[in-house]
Every structure is written in structure tokens, then in C-alpha cells.
Amino acid sequence: MSDTTYLYLFRGGDAASPPRSPEEMQRSMQKWSSWIEDLAKGGHMRGGDPLEPAGKLVSGKSKIVTDGPFAEPKDVVGGYLLVAARDLAHATELSRGCPIFEVGGAVEVRVIRPMKA
């Protein structure tokens, strides 16, 4: 049985927490790097990047453009990872090591369903 690819969406976290010192930010980045490195060493990491905080939302039949695809800081998607796992339970378990939980953030774990060409 081959692994399935899952999407981790990182919500809240730094965007929803009080500003931190440069030293705290550095420690946080080191934790993120270590966690991602562990995923890679385990053969789970498939890709991902942080997202810029600014963005546009295009919505409705009239395709109305507004700033930011979010209403509250806790809903801000700050980045994503693509992760290979056996099943949803395994992908969810792998997400538990994410440093975002230390600052009140959340990881949304979603299966990627390949589109048929």
C-alpha cells in the first residue's frame, strides 16, 4: 500500500499571538526547522512553504475582490506542507509535533485527492 499525500494548513499561531522578541522568534524557527527535518528524514515531507500575510479574496458570481481571505487572526493560513502518510490517522499523528500548537495555532489536515486528467 503506497502513501497518500496530505495537506497541512497552518492556521493562527504567530498571526494570532502577541508579538515576540527576536530571540523567541529564532527559537520558534529552529523548532519549525527541526520538525520539518524530522518529517523529511522519515520520508514524509513532500513540499511546502510559508505564505505572505497579505492576499486577495475573489468571491461570488460578480467575482468581488477584497483584501485578505480571512476575518480573524485565528483563521489566517500562514503556510502549508505536503506530507505523505499511510492514512488520515497517521497524517494527523505526524502533525502533533508541529510547533504552532505552542502559540495557540492549529493544523488542518486534509487528504489530497488527485484529479483525473
N, C-alpha and C. Protein backbone atom coordinates (compact mmCIF):
# COMPACT_ATOMS: atom_id res chain seq x y z
N MET A 1 0.85 -1.19 0.00
CA MET A 1 0.00 0.00 0.00
C MET A 1 0.89 1.24 0.00
N SER A 2 0.66 2.14 -0.92
CA SER A 2 1.51 3.33 -1.00
C SER A 2 0.93 4.46 -0.15
N ASP A 3 1.80 5.38 0.20
CA ASP A 3 1.37 6.52 1.00
C ASP A 3 0.49 7.46 0.18
N THR A 4 -0.38 8.14 0.88
CA THR A 4 -1.24 9.17 0.32
C THR A 4 -0.65 10.52 0.70
N THR A 5 -0.88 11.53 -0.12
CA THR A 5 -0.38 12.87 0.20
C THR A 5 -1.46 13.66 0.92
N TYR A 6 -1.05 14.32 1.99
CA TYR A 6 -1.94 15.14 2.81
C TYR A 6 -1.45 16.58 2.82
N LEU A 7 -2.37 17.49 3.01
CA LEU A 7 -2.07 18.91 3.09
C LEU A 7 -2.24 19.35 4.53
N TYR A 8 -1.21 19.99 5.07
CA TYR A 8 -1.32 20.64 6.37
C TYR A 8 -1.49 22.12 6.11
N LEU A 9 -2.56 22.70 6.60
CA LEU A 9 -2.75 24.14 6.57
C LEU A 9 -2.54 24.66 7.99
N PHE A 10 -1.62 25.60 8.14
CA PHE A 10 -1.30 26.14 9.44
C PHE A 10 -2.12 27.39 9.69
N ARG A 11 -2.98 27.33 10.69
CA ARG A 11 -3.90 28.44 11.00
C ARG A 11 -3.54 29.09 12.32
N GLY A 12 -3.67 30.43 12.35
CA GLY A 12 -3.43 31.16 13.58
C GLY A 12 -1.96 31.19 13.93
N GLY A 13 -1.63 30.79 15.13
CA GLY A 13 -0.23 30.80 15.55
C GLY A 13 0.29 32.21 15.71
N ASP A 14 1.40 32.52 15.04
CA ASP A 14 2.03 33.84 15.18
C ASP A 14 1.09 34.97 14.82
N ALA A 15 0.23 34.77 13.84
CA ALA A 15 -0.69 35.82 13.42
C ALA A 15 -1.69 36.17 14.52
N ALA A 16 -1.99 35.21 15.38
CA ALA A 16 -3.00 35.42 16.42
C ALA A 16 -2.39 35.64 17.80
N SER A 17 -1.07 35.55 17.91
CA SER A 17 -0.44 35.69 19.23
C SER A 17 0.24 37.05 19.36
N PRO A 18 0.52 37.46 20.59
CA PRO A 18 1.20 38.75 20.80
C PRO A 18 2.59 38.72 20.17
N PRO A 19 3.11 39.89 19.81
CA PRO A 19 4.47 39.94 19.23
C PRO A 19 5.49 39.31 20.17
N ARG A 20 6.50 38.69 19.58
CA ARG A 20 7.54 38.04 20.36
C ARG A 20 8.88 38.69 20.06
N SER A 21 9.82 38.48 20.99
CA SER A 21 11.15 39.05 20.83
C SER A 21 11.87 38.34 19.69
N PRO A 22 12.92 38.96 19.16
CA PRO A 22 13.71 38.29 18.11
C PRO A 22 14.26 36.94 18.57
N GLU A 23 14.64 36.84 19.84
CA GLU A 23 15.17 35.57 20.35
C GLU A 23 14.08 34.50 20.36
N GLU A 24 12.86 34.89 20.76
CA GLU A 24 11.75 33.93 20.76
C GLU A 24 11.41 33.50 19.34
N MET A 25 11.46 34.45 18.42
CA MET A 25 11.19 34.12 17.01
C MET A 25 12.25 33.16 16.47
N GLN A 26 13.50 33.37 16.83
CA GLN A 26 14.59 32.49 16.40
C GLN A 26 14.39 31.09 16.94
N ARG A 27 14.04 30.98 18.23
CA ARG A 27 13.78 29.66 18.82
C ARG A 27 12.61 28.97 18.12
N SER A 28 11.59 29.73 17.80
CA SER A 28 10.43 29.17 17.10
C SER A 28 10.83 28.65 15.73
N MET A 29 11.62 29.41 14.99
CA MET A 29 12.06 28.99 13.66
C MET A 29 12.92 27.73 13.75
N GLN A 30 13.74 27.62 14.80
CA GLN A 30 14.55 26.42 14.99
C GLN A 30 13.67 25.20 15.24
N LYS A 31 12.60 25.38 16.02
CA LYS A 31 11.67 24.28 16.28
C LYS A 31 10.97 23.85 14.99
N TRP A 32 10.55 24.83 14.18
CA TRP A 32 9.92 24.51 12.90
C TRP A 32 10.90 23.75 12.00
N SER A 33 12.12 24.23 11.93
CA SER A 33 13.13 23.58 11.09
C SER A 33 13.38 22.15 11.54
N SER A 34 13.48 21.93 12.84
CA SER A 34 13.71 20.58 13.37
C SER A 34 12.54 19.66 13.06
N TRP A 35 11.32 20.15 13.25
CA TRP A 35 10.14 19.33 12.99
C TRP A 35 10.06 18.95 11.51
N ILE A 36 10.28 19.92 10.63
CA ILE A 36 10.23 19.64 9.19
C ILE A 36 11.36 18.70 8.79
N GLU A 37 12.54 18.89 9.38
CA GLU A 37 13.66 17.99 9.10
C GLU A 37 13.33 16.56 9.53
N ASP A 38 12.68 16.40 10.67
CA ASP A 38 12.26 15.07 11.13
C ASP A 38 11.27 14.44 10.16
N LEU A 39 10.33 15.24 9.65
CA LEU A 39 9.39 14.72 8.66
C LEU A 39 10.14 14.26 7.41
N ALA A 40 11.11 15.06 6.98
CA ALA A 40 11.89 14.70 5.79
C ALA A 40 12.70 13.43 6.02
N LYS A 41 13.35 13.32 7.18
CA LYS A 41 14.14 12.12 7.49
C LYS A 41 13.27 10.88 7.51
N GLY A 42 12.01 11.02 7.90
CA GLY A 42 11.08 9.90 7.93
C GLY A 42 10.45 9.60 6.58
N GLY A 43 10.83 10.38 5.57
CA GLY A 43 10.30 10.16 4.23
C GLY A 43 8.90 10.70 4.03
N HIS A 44 8.45 11.61 4.91
CA HIS A 44 7.08 12.13 4.83
C HIS A 44 6.96 13.47 4.12
N MET A 45 8.03 14.25 4.12
CA MET A 45 7.97 15.61 3.57
C MET A 45 7.92 15.58 2.06
N ARG A 46 6.94 16.29 1.49
CA ARG A 46 6.79 16.38 0.04
C ARG A 46 6.91 17.81 -0.49
N GLY A 47 6.83 18.78 0.40
CA GLY A 47 6.96 20.17 -0.02
C GLY A 47 6.18 21.08 0.90
N GLY A 48 6.27 22.37 0.65
CA GLY A 48 5.53 23.33 1.44
C GLY A 48 6.30 24.62 1.60
N ASP A 49 5.59 25.63 1.99
CA ASP A 49 6.17 26.96 2.16
C ASP A 49 5.32 27.80 3.09
N PRO A 50 5.93 28.82 3.70
CA PRO A 50 5.12 29.81 4.42
C PRO A 50 4.42 30.70 3.39
N LEU A 51 3.37 31.36 3.83
CA LEU A 51 2.63 32.28 2.96
C LEU A 51 2.79 33.70 3.47
N GLU A 52 2.82 34.64 2.55
CA GLU A 52 2.82 36.05 2.92
C GLU A 52 1.49 36.37 3.59
N PRO A 53 1.48 37.28 4.56
CA PRO A 53 0.23 37.59 5.26
C PRO A 53 -0.81 38.29 4.39
N ALA A 54 -0.38 39.08 3.41
CA ALA A 54 -1.32 39.81 2.57
C ALA A 54 -1.81 38.92 1.43
N GLY A 55 -3.03 39.18 1.00
CA GLY A 55 -3.58 38.42 -0.11
C GLY A 55 -4.89 39.05 -0.57
N LYS A 56 -5.48 38.45 -1.54
CA LYS A 56 -6.77 38.89 -2.08
C LYS A 56 -7.72 37.72 -2.07
N LEU A 57 -9.01 38.02 -1.92
CA LEU A 57 -10.06 37.02 -1.99
C LEU A 57 -10.99 37.42 -3.13
N VAL A 58 -11.18 36.52 -4.07
CA VAL A 58 -12.11 36.73 -5.18
C VAL A 58 -13.30 35.83 -4.91
N SER A 59 -14.50 36.42 -4.85
CA SER A 59 -15.65 35.63 -4.45
C SER A 59 -16.94 36.02 -5.17
N GLY A 60 -17.87 35.08 -5.17
CA GLY A 60 -19.21 35.31 -5.69
C GLY A 60 -19.29 35.35 -7.21
N LYS A 61 -20.52 35.36 -7.70
CA LYS A 61 -20.76 35.40 -9.15
C LYS A 61 -20.18 36.66 -9.79
N SER A 62 -20.14 37.75 -9.01
CA SER A 62 -19.60 39.01 -9.52
C SER A 62 -18.09 39.08 -9.40
N LYS A 63 -17.48 38.05 -8.82
CA LYS A 63 -16.02 37.98 -8.65
C LYS A 63 -15.48 39.20 -7.92
N ILE A 64 -16.11 39.52 -6.81
CA ILE A 64 -15.71 40.67 -6.00
C ILE A 64 -14.35 40.39 -5.36
N VAL A 65 -13.45 41.38 -5.44
CA VAL A 65 -12.10 41.25 -4.90
C VAL A 65 -12.03 42.06 -3.60
N THR A 66 -11.59 41.37 -2.53
CA THR A 66 -11.40 42.04 -1.25
C THR A 66 -10.01 41.70 -0.73
N ASP A 67 -9.52 42.51 0.19
CA ASP A 67 -8.22 42.24 0.81
C ASP A 67 -8.37 41.10 1.81
N GLY A 68 -7.38 40.22 1.82
CA GLY A 68 -7.31 39.17 2.82
C GLY A 68 -8.41 38.15 2.76
N PRO A 69 -8.04 36.90 2.73
CA PRO A 69 -9.03 35.83 2.70
C PRO A 69 -9.45 35.38 4.10
N PHE A 70 -9.37 36.29 5.09
CA PHE A 70 -9.62 35.88 6.47
C PHE A 70 -10.35 36.98 7.22
N ALA A 71 -11.07 36.58 8.24
CA ALA A 71 -11.81 37.54 9.05
C ALA A 71 -11.14 37.80 10.39
N GLU A 72 -10.57 36.77 11.00
CA GLU A 72 -9.97 36.88 12.32
C GLU A 72 -8.55 36.30 12.28
N PRO A 73 -7.66 36.82 13.14
CA PRO A 73 -6.28 36.29 13.14
C PRO A 73 -6.20 34.77 13.31
N LYS A 74 -7.10 34.18 14.08
CA LYS A 74 -7.06 32.73 14.29
C LYS A 74 -7.35 31.95 13.01
N ASP A 75 -7.93 32.62 12.01
CA ASP A 75 -8.27 31.97 10.74
C ASP A 75 -7.22 32.15 9.66
N VAL A 76 -6.20 32.96 9.93
CA VAL A 76 -5.16 33.22 8.94
C VAL A 76 -4.40 31.94 8.64
N VAL A 77 -4.27 31.62 7.35
CA VAL A 77 -3.45 30.48 6.93
C VAL A 77 -2.06 31.02 6.68
N GLY A 78 -1.11 30.60 7.52
CA GLY A 78 0.24 31.14 7.44
C GLY A 78 1.20 30.32 6.60
N GLY A 79 0.78 29.11 6.21
CA GLY A 79 1.64 28.26 5.41
C GLY A 79 1.03 26.90 5.22
N TYR A 80 1.75 26.07 4.51
CA TYR A 80 1.25 24.72 4.23
C TYR A 80 2.43 23.76 4.05
N LEU A 81 2.15 22.49 4.25
CA LEU A 81 3.09 21.43 3.93
C LEU A 81 2.33 20.32 3.22
N LEU A 82 3.03 19.63 2.35
CA LEU A 82 2.51 18.42 1.74
C LEU A 82 3.26 17.27 2.40
N VAL A 83 2.51 16.31 2.94
CA VAL A 83 3.09 15.24 3.74
C VAL A 83 2.54 13.90 3.26
N ALA A 84 3.41 12.92 3.16
CA ALA A 84 3.00 11.56 2.80
C ALA A 84 2.77 10.77 4.08
N ALA A 85 1.65 10.05 4.12
CA ALA A 85 1.33 9.22 5.28
C ALA A 85 0.48 8.03 4.84
N ARG A 86 0.42 7.01 5.71
CA ARG A 86 -0.34 5.80 5.39
C ARG A 86 -1.83 6.08 5.26
N ASP A 87 -2.34 6.91 6.18
CA ASP A 87 -3.78 7.21 6.20
C ASP A 87 -3.99 8.50 6.99
N LEU A 88 -5.24 8.92 7.12
CA LEU A 88 -5.54 10.17 7.80
C LEU A 88 -5.10 10.14 9.26
N ALA A 89 -5.26 9.01 9.93
CA ALA A 89 -4.84 8.91 11.33
C ALA A 89 -3.32 9.11 11.45
N HIS A 90 -2.56 8.51 10.54
CA HIS A 90 -1.10 8.66 10.56
C HIS A 90 -0.72 10.11 10.27
N ALA A 91 -1.34 10.73 9.28
CA ALA A 91 -1.05 12.14 8.95
C ALA A 91 -1.37 13.04 10.14
N THR A 92 -2.47 12.76 10.81
CA THR A 92 -2.86 13.55 11.98
C THR A 92 -1.84 13.38 13.09
N GLU A 93 -1.39 12.17 13.32
CA GLU A 93 -0.39 11.92 14.36
C GLU A 93 0.92 12.66 14.05
N LEU A 94 1.35 12.64 12.79
CA LEU A 94 2.57 13.35 12.41
C LEU A 94 2.44 14.85 12.67
N SER A 95 1.24 15.40 12.52
CA SER A 95 1.05 16.85 12.71
C SER A 95 1.20 17.27 14.17
N ARG A 96 1.06 16.35 15.08
CA ARG A 96 1.08 16.68 16.51
C ARG A 96 2.41 17.25 16.98
N GLY A 97 3.48 17.05 16.22
CA GLY A 97 4.78 17.61 16.58
C GLY A 97 4.98 19.05 16.13
N CYS A 98 4.00 19.61 15.47
CA CYS A 98 4.13 20.97 14.92
C CYS A 98 4.26 22.03 16.03
N PRO A 99 5.22 22.94 15.90
CA PRO A 99 5.41 23.99 16.90
C PRO A 99 4.27 25.02 16.96
N ILE A 100 3.38 25.03 16.00
CA ILE A 100 2.30 26.03 16.01
C ILE A 100 1.40 25.89 17.23
N PHE A 101 1.33 24.68 17.79
CA PHE A 101 0.47 24.46 18.95
C PHE A 101 0.97 25.23 20.17
N GLU A 102 2.27 25.52 20.22
CA GLU A 102 2.84 26.26 21.35
C GLU A 102 2.36 27.70 21.41
N VAL A 103 1.85 28.23 20.30
CA VAL A 103 1.37 29.61 20.26
C VAL A 103 -0.12 29.66 19.94
N GLY A 104 -0.82 28.57 20.26
CA GLY A 104 -2.28 28.57 20.12
C GLY A 104 -2.79 28.37 18.71
N GLY A 105 -1.94 27.95 17.79
CA GLY A 105 -2.37 27.74 16.41
C GLY A 105 -2.98 26.36 16.21
N ALA A 106 -3.33 26.09 14.96
CA ALA A 106 -3.98 24.82 14.60
C ALA A 106 -3.41 24.31 13.29
N VAL A 107 -3.48 23.00 13.11
CA VAL A 107 -3.11 22.38 11.85
C VAL A 107 -4.35 21.70 11.29
N GLU A 108 -4.76 22.12 10.12
CA GLU A 108 -5.85 21.44 9.42
C GLU A 108 -5.21 20.38 8.54
N VAL A 109 -5.63 19.13 8.70
CA VAL A 109 -5.06 18.00 7.96
C VAL A 109 -6.10 17.55 6.95
N ARG A 110 -5.73 17.60 5.66
CA ARG A 110 -6.66 17.24 4.59
C ARG A 110 -6.00 16.30 3.60
N VAL A 111 -6.76 15.31 3.15
CA VAL A 111 -6.25 14.40 2.13
C VAL A 111 -6.30 15.13 0.78
N ILE A 112 -5.28 14.92 -0.03
CA ILE A 112 -5.28 15.48 -1.39
C ILE A 112 -5.81 14.39 -2.31
N ARG A 113 -6.86 14.71 -2.99
CA ARG A 113 -7.49 13.77 -3.90
C ARG A 113 -7.02 14.13 -5.31
N PRO A 114 -6.18 13.28 -5.91
CA PRO A 114 -5.66 13.60 -7.23
C PRO A 114 -6.78 13.74 -8.27
N MET A 115 -6.62 14.73 -9.13
CA MET A 115 -7.60 14.94 -10.20
C MET A 115 -7.25 14.03 -11.37
N LYS A 116 -8.25 13.50 -11.99
CA LYS A 116 -8.05 12.67 -13.17
C LYS A 116 -7.91 13.57 -14.38
N ALA A 117 -6.90 13.29 -15.19
CA ALA A 117 -6.66 14.12 -16.39
C ALA A 117 -7.60 13.73 -17.51
